[in-house]
Amino acid sequence: MSTPMSGEANDVQAMSSACPMRHSEYYFDDGSLVMLVESTLFNVHRSTFTRHSRVFSDVFSLPKPVLGRCVEGSSDECPIQFPGISSTDFERLLSILYPVDFGEHKHRTVDEWTSVLHLATRWEFDSIRTLAIQKLEGLNISPVDKVVLSRQFNINSPWTLAAYTDLCQRPETLTFLEARALGLETAMRIYQLRERLRGGNGRSTSRNRSGSPPRGVPGLYCSAEHGRTVTRRETVSYPPRSARGRATPSVFATTEGVKAPVRRLSDASRLVAKAFDIEV
């Protein structure tokens, strides 16, 4: 049963939706592109969006409408509308496009960077997507949440591989809530790989007693170069036999004449990468 009070509340809600408000920070006086997200108007610069987003670049390369018709994005009365987009997500994306301090970002949480990643992926802001992934990789996120994010936003990196491997190697099995978040197929595959690794079936058969690949056989390695993890194939080289008659594999792999310390990808990680089709 409706009451006069509820009727007034509905009228206020209808008026607020019919009369959107300008954003206090991202409605620029010299903006050239008016956008309506939920009930908030943003006035930004079209060149900024076309420069960094392939989606907006393609949209604005289309022929303009005939004269006399309202041009979307030209005014508050004729904005470009984005149904289904959160104004909070849009604000967080704009804070990257319009930073207060270059080199510094105010976002600190998983939720904030996930908002940025969501729209950056949807609208193909490739450099912002890369930034959001890097920031998420530096945060404390559970392996399950890492897998969920990787699947949702198609993240294929050592960070993704490490999360899958951790779930397959940890002593405890997946909880009901974790399995539901991952989905039945992924949860079952993790369970199968976990049992295989615990049973020792994940060991490679192409290794000698020292645990290193046979001489001259390519192996997978991970190394840190310029602050990022790089995976590549190398061939293990052996120095001359020592006076005691024992050959010791080199702890360095040479690439373009420069020696860099390397860490061999574990058997478990290689097995997981193959099972989940993760590039390494």
C-alpha atoms as a PDB file:
ATOM      1  CA  MET A   1       0.000   0.000   0.000  1.00  0.00           C
ATOM      2  CA  SER A   2       1.493   3.328  -1.072  1.00  0.00           C
ATOM      3  CA  THR A   3       1.621   6.310   1.240  1.00  0.00           C
ATOM      4  CA  PRO A   4       1.998  10.037   0.520  1.00  0.00           C
ATOM      5  CA  MET A   5       5.530   9.790   1.873  1.00  0.00           C
ATOM      6  CA  SER A   6       6.478   6.946  -0.455  1.00  0.00           C
ATOM      7  CA  GLY A   7       4.954   8.882  -3.360  1.00  0.00           C
ATOM      8  CA  GLU A   8       7.124  11.888  -2.538  1.00  0.00           C
ATOM      9  CA  ALA A   9      10.217   9.661  -2.351  1.00  0.00           C
ATOM     10  CA  ASN A  10       9.432   8.238  -5.782  1.00  0.00           C
ATOM     11  CA  ASP A  11       8.976  11.755  -7.176  1.00  0.00           C
ATOM     12  CA  VAL A  12      12.358  12.840  -5.771  1.00  0.00           C
ATOM     13  CA  GLN A  13      14.024   9.751  -7.239  1.00  0.00           C
ATOM     14  CA  ALA A  14      12.430  10.372 -10.625  1.00  0.00           C
ATOM     15  CA  MET A  15      13.531  14.032 -10.581  1.00  0.00           C
ATOM     16  CA  SER A  16      17.110  13.091  -9.671  1.00  0.00           C
ATOM     17  CA  SER A  17      17.274  10.585 -12.519  1.00  0.00           C
ATOM     18  CA  ALA A  18      15.656  13.054 -14.936  1.00  0.00           C
ATOM     19  CA  CYS A  19      18.060  15.848 -13.935  1.00  0.00           C
ATOM     20  CA  PRO A  20      21.561  14.366 -13.791  1.00  0.00           C
ATOM     21  CA  MET A  21      24.201  16.268 -11.867  1.00  0.00           C
ATOM     22  CA  ARG A  22      27.598  17.341 -13.137  1.00  0.00           C
ATOM     23  CA  HIS A  23      30.534  15.593 -11.527  1.00  0.00           C
ATOM     24  CA  SER A  24      32.420  17.863  -9.146  1.00  0.00           C
ATOM     25  CA  GLU A  25      35.892  16.882 -10.432  1.00  0.00           C
ATOM     26  CA  TYR A  26      35.555  15.375 -13.889  1.00  0.00           C
ATOM     27  CA  TYR A  27      33.289  17.887 -15.572  1.00  0.00           C
ATOM     28  CA  PHE A  28      35.903  20.101 -17.235  1.00  0.00           C
ATOM     29  CA  ASP A  29      34.994  23.537 -18.582  1.00  0.00           C
ATOM     30  CA  ASP A  30      37.098  22.911 -21.682  1.00  0.00           C
ATOM     31  CA  GLY A  31      35.867  19.336 -22.143  1.00  0.00           C
ATOM     32  CA  SER A  32      34.705  18.197 -25.575  1.00  0.00           C
ATOM     33  CA  LEU A  33      32.851  14.978 -24.745  1.00  0.00           C
ATOM     34  CA  VAL A  34      29.861  14.839 -22.405  1.00  0.00           C
ATOM     35  CA  MET A  35      29.088  11.405 -20.953  1.00  0.00           C
ATOM     36  CA  LEU A  36      26.202  10.273 -18.781  1.00  0.00           C
ATOM     37  CA  VAL A  37      27.015   7.406 -16.422  1.00  0.00           C
ATOM     38  CA  GLU A  38      24.173   6.445 -14.129  1.00  0.00           C
ATOM     39  CA  SER A  39      22.901   9.873 -13.003  1.00  0.00           C
ATOM     40  CA  THR A  40      26.188  11.770 -13.293  1.00  0.00           C
ATOM     41  CA  LEU A  41      27.442  13.931 -16.166  1.00  0.00           C
ATOM     42  CA  PHE A  42      31.145  13.931 -17.063  1.00  0.00           C
ATOM     43  CA  ASN A  43      32.736  16.359 -19.510  1.00  0.00           C
ATOM     44  CA  VAL A  44      36.083  15.031 -20.658  1.00  0.00           C
ATOM     45  CA  HIS A  45      38.368  15.391 -23.684  1.00  0.00           C
ATOM     46  CA  ARG A  46      37.603  13.281 -26.716  1.00  0.00           C
ATOM     47  CA  SER A  47      41.243  13.279 -27.863  1.00  0.00           C
ATOM     48  CA  THR A  48      42.293  11.686 -24.556  1.00  0.00           C
ATOM     49  CA  PHE A  49      39.884   8.810 -25.067  1.00  0.00           C
ATOM     50  CA  THR A  50      40.619   8.263 -28.768  1.00  0.00           C
ATOM     51  CA  ARG A  51      44.357   8.326 -28.090  1.00  0.00           C
ATOM     52  CA  HIS A  52      44.354   5.646 -25.396  1.00  0.00           C
ATOM     53  CA  SER A  53      41.315   3.499 -26.271  1.00  0.00           C
ATOM     54  CA  ARG A  54      40.946   1.516 -29.472  1.00  0.00           C
ATOM     55  CA  VAL A  55      37.199   1.244 -28.895  1.00  0.00           C
ATOM     56  CA  PHE A  56      36.668   5.010 -28.687  1.00  0.00           C
ATOM     57  CA  SER A  57      39.073   5.556 -31.575  1.00  0.00           C
ATOM     58  CA  ASP A  58      36.955   3.288 -33.766  1.00  0.00           C
ATOM     59  CA  VAL A  59      33.675   4.836 -32.586  1.00  0.00           C
ATOM     60  CA  PHE A  60      34.732   8.394 -33.384  1.00  0.00           C
ATOM     61  CA  SER A  61      36.176   7.414 -36.751  1.00  0.00           C
ATOM     62  CA  LEU A  62      32.633   6.650 -37.979  1.00  0.00           C
ATOM     63  CA  PRO A  63      30.853   9.226 -40.190  1.00  0.00           C
ATOM     64  CA  LYS A  64      29.141  12.049 -38.304  1.00  0.00           C
ATOM     65  CA  PRO A  65      25.336  12.289 -38.400  1.00  0.00           C
ATOM     66  CA  VAL A  66      23.592  14.655 -40.779  1.00  0.00           C
ATOM     67  CA  LEU A  67      23.172  18.293 -39.750  1.00  0.00           C
ATOM     68  CA  GLY A  68      20.177  19.186 -37.653  1.00  0.00           C
ATOM     69  CA  ARG A  69      20.351  16.094 -35.487  1.00  0.00           C
ATOM     70  CA  CYS A  70      21.660  15.955 -31.948  1.00  0.00           C
ATOM     71  CA  VAL A  71      25.312  14.892 -31.875  1.00  0.00           C
ATOM     72  CA  GLU A  72      25.892  12.514 -28.975  1.00  0.00           C
ATOM     73  CA  GLY A  73      28.424  13.840 -26.515  1.00  0.00           C
ATOM     74  CA  SER A  74      28.062  17.467 -27.619  1.00  0.00           C
ATOM     75  CA  SER A  75      26.105  18.791 -24.616  1.00  0.00           C
ATOM     76  CA  ASP A  76      24.397  18.005 -21.326  1.00  0.00           C
ATOM     77  CA  GLU A  77      21.143  17.611 -23.230  1.00  0.00           C
ATOM     78  CA  CYS A  78      22.668  15.121 -25.648  1.00  0.00           C
ATOM     79  CA  PRO A  79      25.331  13.122 -23.796  1.00  0.00           C
ATOM     80  CA  ILE A  80      26.765   9.756 -24.706  1.00  0.00           C
ATOM     81  CA  GLN A  81      25.059   7.315 -22.367  1.00  0.00           C
ATOM     82  CA  PHE A  82      26.608   4.187 -20.871  1.00  0.00           C
ATOM     83  CA  PRO A  83      23.900   1.956 -19.386  1.00  0.00           C
ATOM     84  CA  GLY A  84      25.191  -0.795 -17.146  1.00  0.00           C
ATOM     85  CA  ILE A  85      28.367   1.105 -16.211  1.00  0.00           C
ATOM     86  CA  SER A  86      28.983   2.139 -12.613  1.00  0.00           C
ATOM     87  CA  SER A  87      29.824   5.801 -12.069  1.00  0.00           C
ATOM     88  CA  THR A  88      32.279   4.670  -9.370  1.00  0.00           C
ATOM     89  CA  ASP A  89      34.135   2.464 -11.862  1.00  0.00           C
ATOM     90  CA  PHE A  90      34.186   5.326 -14.360  1.00  0.00           C
ATOM     91  CA  GLU A  91      35.568   7.761 -11.774  1.00  0.00           C
ATOM     92  CA  ARG A  92      38.359   5.325 -10.949  1.00  0.00           C
ATOM     93  CA  LEU A  93      39.285   5.014 -14.617  1.00  0.00           C
ATOM     94  CA  LEU A  94      39.295   8.795 -15.028  1.00  0.00           C
ATOM     95  CA  SER A  95      41.652   9.151 -12.052  1.00  0.00           C
ATOM     96  CA  ILE A  96      44.219   7.239 -14.130  1.00  0.00           C
ATOM     97  CA  LEU A  97      43.592   9.298 -17.276  1.00  0.00           C
ATOM     98  CA  TYR A  98      43.692  12.558 -15.277  1.00  0.00           C
ATOM     99  CA  PRO A  99      46.197  11.999 -12.439  1.00  0.00           C
ATOM    100  CA  VAL A 100      46.705  14.681  -9.826  1.00  0.00           C
ATOM    101  CA  ASP A 101      50.338  13.642  -9.458  1.00  0.00           C
ATOM    102  CA  PHE A 102      52.107  11.933 -12.363  1.00  0.00           C
ATOM    103  CA  GLY A 103      53.689   8.662 -11.274  1.00  0.00           C
ATOM    104  CA  GLU A 104      51.398   8.325  -8.251  1.00  0.00           C
ATOM    105  CA  HIS A 105      48.006   6.643  -8.090  1.00  0.00           C
ATOM    106  CA  LYS A 106      45.492   7.051  -5.301  1.00  0.00           C
ATOM    107  CA  HIS A 107      44.082   3.545  -5.696  1.00  0.00           C
ATOM    108  CA  ARG A 108      45.308   1.084  -3.096  1.00  0.00           C
ATOM    109  CA  THR A 109      42.760  -1.739  -2.848  1.00  0.00           C
ATOM    110  CA  VAL A 110      41.875  -4.780  -4.926  1.00  0.00           C
ATOM    111  CA  ASP A 111      38.371  -3.416  -5.495  1.00  0.00           C
ATOM    112  CA  GLU A 112      39.687  -0.103  -6.838  1.00  0.00           C
ATOM    113  CA  TRP A 113      42.155  -1.648  -9.277  1.00  0.00           C
ATOM    114  CA  THR A 114      39.590  -4.243 -10.358  1.00  0.00           C
ATOM    115  CA  SER A 115      37.267  -1.352 -11.285  1.00  0.00           C
ATOM    116  CA  VAL A 116      40.022   0.144 -13.418  1.00  0.00           C
ATOM    117  CA  LEU A 117      40.819  -3.232 -14.987  1.00  0.00           C
ATOM    118  CA  HIS A 118      37.143  -3.831 -15.790  1.00  0.00           C
ATOM    119  CA  LEU A 119      36.665  -0.707 -17.905  1.00  0.00           C
ATOM    120  CA  ALA A 120      40.199  -0.729 -19.308  1.00  0.00           C
ATOM    121  CA  THR A 121      39.552  -4.228 -20.648  1.00  0.00           C
ATOM    122  CA  ARG A 122      36.046  -3.423 -21.899  1.00  0.00           C
ATOM    123  CA  TRP A 123      37.109  -0.298 -23.782  1.00  0.00           C
ATOM    124  CA  GLU A 124      40.605  -1.527 -24.729  1.00  0.00           C
ATOM    125  CA  PHE A 125      42.717   0.980 -22.834  1.00  0.00           C
ATOM    126  CA  ASP A 126      45.648  -1.402 -23.259  1.00  0.00           C
ATOM    127  CA  SER A 127      48.293   0.522 -21.311  1.00  0.00           C
ATOM    128  CA  ILE A 128      45.889   1.143 -18.409  1.00  0.00           C
ATOM    129  CA  ARG A 129      44.937  -2.540 -18.412  1.00  0.00           C
ATOM    130  CA  THR A 130      48.630  -3.450 -18.128  1.00  0.00           C
ATOM    131  CA  LEU A 131      49.045  -0.978 -15.256  1.00  0.00           C
ATOM    132  CA  ALA A 132      46.011  -2.364 -13.390  1.00  0.00           C
ATOM    133  CA  ILE A 133      47.305  -5.943 -13.712  1.00  0.00           C
ATOM    134  CA  GLN A 134      50.730  -4.914 -12.419  1.00  0.00           C
ATOM    135  CA  LYS A 135      49.158  -3.182  -9.417  1.00  0.00           C
ATOM    136  CA  LEU A 136      46.930  -6.185  -8.655  1.00  0.00           C
ATOM    137  CA  GLU A 137      49.935  -8.509  -8.839  1.00  0.00           C
ATOM    138  CA  GLY A 138      51.568  -6.466  -6.082  1.00  0.00           C
ATOM    139  CA  LEU A 139      48.626  -6.756  -3.692  1.00  0.00           C
ATOM    140  CA  ASN A 140      47.893  -9.469  -1.161  1.00  0.00           C
ATOM    141  CA  ILE A 141      45.248 -11.578  -2.909  1.00  0.00           C
ATOM    142  CA  SER A 142      44.310 -15.185  -2.188  1.00  0.00           C
ATOM    143  CA  PRO A 143      45.170 -17.770  -4.868  1.00  0.00           C
ATOM    144  CA  VAL A 144      41.459 -18.401  -5.484  1.00  0.00           C
ATOM    145  CA  ASP A 145      40.780 -14.720  -6.097  1.00  0.00           C
ATOM    146  CA  LYS A 146      43.815 -14.533  -8.377  1.00  0.00           C
ATOM    147  CA  VAL A 147      42.438 -17.385 -10.466  1.00  0.00           C
ATOM    148  CA  VAL A 148      38.967 -15.802 -10.586  1.00  0.00           C
ATOM    149  CA  LEU A 149      40.424 -12.462 -11.703  1.00  0.00           C
ATOM    150  CA  SER A 150      42.651 -14.143 -14.264  1.00  0.00           C
ATOM    151  CA  ARG A 151      39.729 -15.984 -15.800  1.00  0.00           C
ATOM    152  CA  GLN A 152      37.401 -12.985 -15.714  1.00  0.00           C
ATOM    153  CA  PHE A 153      39.872 -10.627 -17.382  1.00  0.00           C
ATOM    154  CA  ASN A 154      41.935 -13.112 -19.406  1.00  0.00           C
ATOM    155  CA  ILE A 155      45.180 -12.579 -17.480  1.00  0.00           C
ATOM    156  CA  ASN A 156      47.847 -15.027 -18.613  1.00  0.00           C
ATOM    157  CA  SER A 157      51.039 -14.431 -16.642  1.00  0.00           C
ATOM    158  CA  PRO A 158      53.445 -16.011 -14.126  1.00  0.00           C
ATOM    159  CA  TRP A 159      51.165 -14.526 -11.440  1.00  0.00           C
ATOM    160  CA  THR A 160      48.300 -16.651 -12.772  1.00  0.00           C
ATOM    161  CA  LEU A 161      50.462 -19.761 -13.000  1.00  0.00           C
ATOM    162  CA  ALA A 162      51.690 -19.319  -9.422  1.00  0.00           C
ATOM    163  CA  ALA A 163      48.094 -19.108  -8.139  1.00  0.00           C
ATOM    164  CA  TYR A 164      47.028 -22.325  -9.879  1.00  0.00           C
ATOM    165  CA  THR A 165      50.193 -24.100  -8.735  1.00  0.00           C
ATOM    166  CA  ASP A 166      49.657 -23.000  -5.137  1.00  0.00           C
ATOM    167  CA  LEU A 167      46.128 -24.425  -5.116  1.00  0.00           C
ATOM    168  CA  CYS A 168      47.367 -27.714  -6.571  1.00  0.00           C
ATOM    169  CA  GLN A 169      50.239 -28.061  -4.094  1.00  0.00           C
ATOM    170  CA  ARG A 170      48.818 -26.807  -0.791  1.00  0.00           C
ATOM    171  CA  PRO A 171      48.083 -29.480   1.848  1.00  0.00           C
ATOM    172  CA  GLU A 172      44.390 -28.642   2.347  1.00  0.00           C
ATOM    173  CA  THR A 173      41.751 -29.274  -0.288  1.00  0.00           C
ATOM    174  CA  LEU A 174      39.449 -26.606  -1.688  1.00  0.00           C
ATOM    175  CA  THR A 175      36.618 -25.508   0.558  1.00  0.00           C
ATOM    176  CA  PHE A 176      33.043 -25.485  -0.667  1.00  0.00           C
ATOM    177  CA  LEU A 177      33.067 -21.696  -1.085  1.00  0.00           C
ATOM    178  CA  GLU A 178      36.378 -21.803  -2.976  1.00  0.00           C
ATOM    179  CA  ALA A 179      35.128 -24.531  -5.298  1.00  0.00           C
ATOM    180  CA  ARG A 180      31.945 -22.579  -5.992  1.00  0.00           C
ATOM    181  CA  ALA A 181      33.953 -19.436  -6.797  1.00  0.00           C
ATOM    182  CA  LEU A 182      36.235 -21.356  -9.158  1.00  0.00           C
ATOM    183  CA  GLY A 183      33.509 -23.330 -10.877  1.00  0.00           C
ATOM    184  CA  LEU A 184      33.033 -27.089 -11.089  1.00  0.00           C
ATOM    185  CA  GLU A 185      35.360 -27.746 -14.022  1.00  0.00           C
ATOM    186  CA  THR A 186      38.283 -25.762 -12.603  1.00  0.00           C
ATOM    187  CA  ALA A 187      37.801 -27.175  -9.100  1.00  0.00           C
ATOM    188  CA  MET A 188      37.786 -30.750 -10.421  1.00  0.00           C
ATOM    189  CA  ARG A 189      40.884 -30.165 -12.503  1.00  0.00           C
ATOM    190  CA  ILE A 190      42.722 -28.695  -9.508  1.00  0.00           C
ATOM    191  CA  TYR A 191      41.672 -31.708  -7.420  1.00  0.00           C
ATOM    192  CA  GLN A 192      42.956 -34.135 -10.081  1.00  0.00           C
ATOM    193  CA  LEU A 193      46.288 -32.312 -10.435  1.00  0.00           C
ATOM    194  CA  ARG A 194      46.646 -32.162  -6.663  1.00  0.00           C
ATOM    195  CA  GLU A 195      46.207 -35.920  -6.381  1.00  0.00           C
ATOM    196  CA  ARG A 196      48.625 -36.492  -9.230  1.00  0.00           C
ATOM    197  CA  LEU A 197      51.297 -34.274  -7.680  1.00  0.00           C
ATOM    198  CA  ARG A 198      50.838 -35.820  -4.240  1.00  0.00           C
ATOM    199  CA  GLY A 199      51.224 -39.247  -5.809  1.00  0.00           C
ATOM    200  CA  GLY A 200      54.446 -38.263  -7.541  1.00  0.00           C
ATOM    201  CA  ASN A 201      53.058 -38.687 -11.028  1.00  0.00           C
ATOM    202  CA  GLY A 202      53.905 -35.133 -11.932  1.00  0.00           C
ATOM    203  CA  ARG A 203      57.656 -35.754 -11.969  1.00  0.00           C
ATOM    204  CA  SER A 204      59.434 -35.350 -15.239  1.00  0.00           C
ATOM    205  CA  THR A 205      61.121 -38.444 -16.637  1.00  0.00           C
ATOM    206  CA  SER A 206      63.720 -36.520 -18.632  1.00  0.00           C
ATOM    207  CA  ARG A 207      65.981 -35.599 -15.718  1.00  0.00           C
ATOM    208  CA  ASN A 208      69.117 -37.064 -14.283  1.00  0.00           C
ATOM    209  CA  ARG A 209      69.878 -37.771 -10.644  1.00  0.00           C
ATOM    210  CA  SER A 210      70.931 -34.205  -9.953  1.00  0.00           C
ATOM    211  CA  GLY A 211      67.454 -32.968 -10.924  1.00  0.00           C
ATOM    212  CA  SER A 212      68.795 -30.994 -13.892  1.00  0.00           C
ATOM    213  CA  PRO A 213      67.856 -31.541 -17.539  1.00  0.00           C
ATOM    214  CA  PRO A 214      70.204 -33.790 -19.507  1.00  0.00           C
ATOM    215  CA  ARG A 215      73.067 -32.069 -21.255  1.00  0.00           C
ATOM    216  CA  GLY A 216      71.932 -30.177 -24.363  1.00  0.00           C
ATOM    217  CA  VAL A 217      68.214 -30.622 -23.626  1.00  0.00           C
ATOM    218  CA  PRO A 218      66.197 -27.379 -23.614  1.00  0.00           C
ATOM    219  CA  GLY A 219      64.565 -26.555 -20.306  1.00  0.00           C
ATOM    220  CA  LEU A 220      62.118 -23.929 -19.044  1.00  0.00           C
ATOM    221  CA  TYR A 221      63.514 -21.188 -16.865  1.00  0.00           C
ATOM    222  CA  CYS A 222      62.218 -18.105 -15.076  1.00  0.00           C
ATOM    223  CA  SER A 223      64.385 -15.079 -14.437  1.00  0.00           C
ATOM    224  CA  ALA A 224      63.894 -11.548 -13.204  1.00  0.00           C
ATOM    225  CA  GLU A 225      64.892  -8.893 -15.717  1.00  0.00           C
ATOM    226  CA  HIS A 226      64.293  -5.186 -15.190  1.00  0.00           C
ATOM    227  CA  GLY A 227      61.760  -5.852 -12.434  1.00  0.00           C
ATOM    228  CA  ARG A 228      59.606  -8.316 -14.358  1.00  0.00           C
ATOM    229  CA  THR A 229      59.491 -12.075 -14.624  1.00  0.00           C
ATOM    230  CA  VAL A 230      60.545 -13.507 -17.965  1.00  0.00           C
ATOM    231  CA  THR A 231      60.230 -17.113 -19.042  1.00  0.00           C
ATOM    232  CA  ARG A 232      62.338 -18.525 -21.829  1.00  0.00           C
ATOM    233  CA  ARG A 233      63.901 -21.697 -23.127  1.00  0.00           C
ATOM    234  CA  GLU A 234      67.604 -22.208 -22.546  1.00  0.00           C
ATOM    235  CA  THR A 235      70.057 -25.068 -22.955  1.00  0.00           C
ATOM    236  CA  VAL A 236      71.971 -26.108 -19.853  1.00  0.00           C
ATOM    237  CA  SER A 237      75.733 -26.080 -20.346  1.00  0.00           C
ATOM    238  CA  TYR A 238      78.199 -28.041 -18.277  1.00  0.00           C
ATOM    239  CA  PRO A 239      81.760 -26.975 -17.362  1.00  0.00           C
ATOM    240  CA  PRO A 240      84.671 -29.385 -17.688  1.00  0.00           C
ATOM    241  CA  ARG A 241      84.709 -32.178 -15.127  1.00  0.00           C
ATOM    242  CA  SER A 242      86.461 -31.284 -11.896  1.00  0.00           C
ATOM    243  CA  ALA A 243      89.410 -33.108 -10.451  1.00  0.00           C
ATOM    244  CA  ARG A 244      86.982 -35.339  -8.516  1.00  0.00           C
ATOM    245  CA  GLY A 245      85.340 -36.411 -11.764  1.00  0.00           C
ATOM    246  CA  ARG A 246      81.941 -34.834 -11.077  1.00  0.00           C
ATOM    247  CA  ALA A 247      80.290 -32.452 -13.512  1.00  0.00           C
ATOM    248  CA  THR A 248      78.416 -29.519 -11.994  1.00  0.00           C
ATOM    249  CA  PRO A 249      75.718 -27.780 -14.053  1.00  0.00           C
ATOM    250  CA  SER A 250      76.212 -24.077 -14.550  1.00  0.00           C
ATOM    251  CA  VAL A 251      74.026 -21.782 -12.438  1.00  0.00           C
ATOM    252  CA  PHE A 252      74.024 -19.188 -15.191  1.00  0.00           C
ATOM    253  CA  ALA A 253      72.337 -19.110 -18.583  1.00  0.00           C
ATOM    254  CA  THR A 254      73.730 -16.839 -21.225  1.00  0.00           C
ATOM    255  CA  THR A 255      71.511 -14.641 -23.378  1.00  0.00           C
ATOM    256  CA  GLU A 256      73.165 -12.330 -25.877  1.00  0.00           C
ATOM    257  CA  GLY A 257      76.457 -12.708 -24.078  1.00  0.00           C
ATOM    258  CA  VAL A 258      75.143 -11.467 -20.720  1.00  0.00           C
ATOM    259  CA  LYS A 259      75.036 -13.816 -17.760  1.00  0.00           C
ATOM    260  CA  ALA A 260      71.968 -13.693 -15.520  1.00  0.00           C
ATOM    261  CA  PRO A 261      70.964 -15.928 -12.604  1.00  0.00           C
ATOM    262  CA  VAL A 262      68.042 -18.187 -13.519  1.00  0.00           C
ATOM    263  CA  ARG A 263      65.556 -20.325 -11.637  1.00  0.00           C
ATOM    264  CA  ARG A 264      64.196 -23.478 -13.276  1.00  0.00           C
ATOM    265  CA  LEU A 265      60.416 -23.731 -13.530  1.00  0.00           C
ATOM    266  CA  SER A 266      59.231 -26.510 -11.231  1.00  0.00           C
ATOM    267  CA  ASP A 267      57.767 -29.754 -12.532  1.00  0.00           C
ATOM    268  CA  ALA A 268      54.485 -28.914 -10.810  1.00  0.00           C
ATOM    269  CA  SER A 269      54.281 -25.528 -12.528  1.00  0.00           C
ATOM    270  CA  ARG A 270      54.961 -27.035 -15.942  1.00  0.00           C
ATOM    271  CA  LEU A 271      52.244 -29.636 -15.352  1.00  0.00           C
ATOM    272  CA  VAL A 272      49.766 -26.963 -14.227  1.00  0.00           C
ATOM    273  CA  ALA A 273      50.643 -24.696 -17.157  1.00  0.00           C
ATOM    274  CA  LYS A 274      49.870 -27.489 -19.577  1.00  0.00           C
ATOM    275  CA  ALA A 275      46.620 -28.459 -17.852  1.00  0.00           C
ATOM    276  CA  PHE A 276      45.251 -24.887 -17.803  1.00  0.00           C
ATOM    277  CA  ASP A 277      46.846 -23.749 -21.076  1.00  0.00           C
ATOM    278  CA  ILE A 278      48.918 -20.992 -19.448  1.00  0.00           C
ATOM    279  CA  GLU A 279      51.738 -19.458 -21.415  1.00  0.00           C
ATOM    280  CA  VAL A 280      55.130 -19.784 -19.700  1.00  0.00           C
END
